[in-house]
């Protein structure tokens, strides 16, 4: 996982994207981080927002 995150962060300099880099290092790289659960949660947030926007 560390190598994948390192490759990803190589495209996002810490000076320009400090919060993204911090999130990747402090959360994604921790043992027990469930990528699938976090993806599902984020996707639900986006879809709920779109549904509200289209309904309103």
C-alpha atoms as a PDB file:
ATOM      1  CA  UNK A   1       0.000   0.000   0.000  1.00  0.00           C
ATOM      2  CA  UNK A   2       2.824   2.370   0.824  1.00  0.00           C
ATOM      3  CA  UNK A   3       4.217   2.129  -2.682  1.00  0.00           C
ATOM      4  CA  UNK A   4       0.811   2.837  -4.254  1.00  0.00           C
ATOM      5  CA  UNK A   5       0.270   5.879  -2.041  1.00  0.00           C
ATOM      6  CA  UNK A   6       3.784   7.083  -2.775  1.00  0.00           C
ATOM      7  CA  UNK A   7       3.166   6.797  -6.515  1.00  0.00           C
ATOM      8  CA  UNK A   8      -0.128   8.660  -6.142  1.00  0.00           C
ATOM      9  CA  UNK A   9       1.375  11.456  -4.043  1.00  0.00           C
ATOM     10  CA  UNK A  10       4.200  11.947  -6.540  1.00  0.00           C
ATOM     11  CA  UNK A  11       1.634  13.722  -8.744  1.00  0.00           C
ATOM     12  CA  UNK A  12       0.445  16.035  -5.956  1.00  0.00           C
ATOM     13  CA  UNK A  13       3.175  18.202  -4.418  1.00  0.00           C
ATOM     14  CA  UNK A  14       2.699  18.752  -0.678  1.00  0.00           C
ATOM     15  CA  UNK A  15       3.147  22.517  -1.129  1.00  0.00           C
ATOM     16  CA  UNK A  16       0.126  22.658  -3.439  1.00  0.00           C
ATOM     17  CA  UNK A  17      -2.029  19.935  -1.872  1.00  0.00           C
ATOM     18  CA  UNK A  18      -1.139  19.820   1.831  1.00  0.00           C
ATOM     19  CA  UNK A  19      -4.489  18.435   2.998  1.00  0.00           C
ATOM     20  CA  UNK A  20      -4.523  15.621   0.444  1.00  0.00           C
ATOM     21  CA  UNK A  21      -0.984  14.612   1.373  1.00  0.00           C
ATOM     22  CA  UNK A  22      -1.800  14.748   5.087  1.00  0.00           C
ATOM     23  CA  UNK A  23      -4.919  12.620   4.596  1.00  0.00           C
ATOM     24  CA  UNK A  24      -3.037  10.019   2.585  1.00  0.00           C
ATOM     25  CA  UNK A  25      -0.217   9.780   5.086  1.00  0.00           C
ATOM     26  CA  UNK A  26      -2.233   9.998   8.307  1.00  0.00           C
ATOM     27  CA  UNK A  27      -5.293   7.948   7.370  1.00  0.00           C
ATOM     28  CA  UNK A  28      -4.901   5.857   4.233  1.00  0.00           C
ATOM     29  CA  UNK A  29      -1.548   4.425   5.272  1.00  0.00           C
ATOM     30  CA  UNK A  30      -2.750   3.342   8.734  1.00  0.00           C
ATOM     31  CA  UNK A  31      -3.316  -0.349   9.380  1.00  0.00           C
ATOM     32  CA  UNK A  32      -6.979  -1.256   9.284  1.00  0.00           C
ATOM     33  CA  UNK A  33      -8.017   1.484   6.870  1.00  0.00           C
ATOM     34  CA  UNK A  34     -10.889  -0.026   4.873  1.00  0.00           C
ATOM     35  CA  UNK A  35     -10.699   1.398   1.355  1.00  0.00           C
ATOM     36  CA  UNK A  36     -13.924  -0.255   0.214  1.00  0.00           C
ATOM     37  CA  UNK A  37     -15.931   1.044   3.166  1.00  0.00           C
ATOM     38  CA  UNK A  38     -14.561   4.566   2.756  1.00  0.00           C
ATOM     39  CA  UNK A  39     -15.260   4.521  -0.976  1.00  0.00           C
ATOM     40  CA  UNK A  40     -18.836   3.363  -0.396  1.00  0.00           C
ATOM     41  CA  UNK A  41     -19.370   6.077   2.221  1.00  0.00           C
ATOM     42  CA  UNK A  42     -18.011   8.792  -0.067  1.00  0.00           C
ATOM     43  CA  UNK A  43     -20.003   7.569  -3.031  1.00  0.00           C
ATOM     44  CA  UNK A  44     -23.189   7.593  -0.938  1.00  0.00           C
ATOM     45  CA  UNK A  45     -22.500  11.213   0.039  1.00  0.00           C
ATOM     46  CA  UNK A  46     -22.021  12.257  -3.583  1.00  0.00           C
ATOM     47  CA  UNK A  47     -25.089  10.403  -4.813  1.00  0.00           C
ATOM     48  CA  UNK A  48     -27.276  11.756  -1.993  1.00  0.00           C
ATOM     49  CA  UNK A  49     -26.133  15.271  -2.807  1.00  0.00           C
ATOM     50  CA  UNK A  50     -26.894  14.818  -6.482  1.00  0.00           C
ATOM     51  CA  UNK A  51     -30.308  13.386  -5.688  1.00  0.00           C
ATOM     52  CA  UNK A  52     -31.179  16.384  -3.485  1.00  0.00           C
ATOM     53  CA  UNK A  53     -29.905  18.792  -6.114  1.00  0.00           C
ATOM     54  CA  UNK A  54     -31.959  17.188  -8.885  1.00  0.00           C
ATOM     55  CA  UNK A  55     -35.079  17.025  -6.704  1.00  0.00           C
ATOM     56  CA  UNK A  56     -34.841  20.676  -5.641  1.00  0.00           C
END
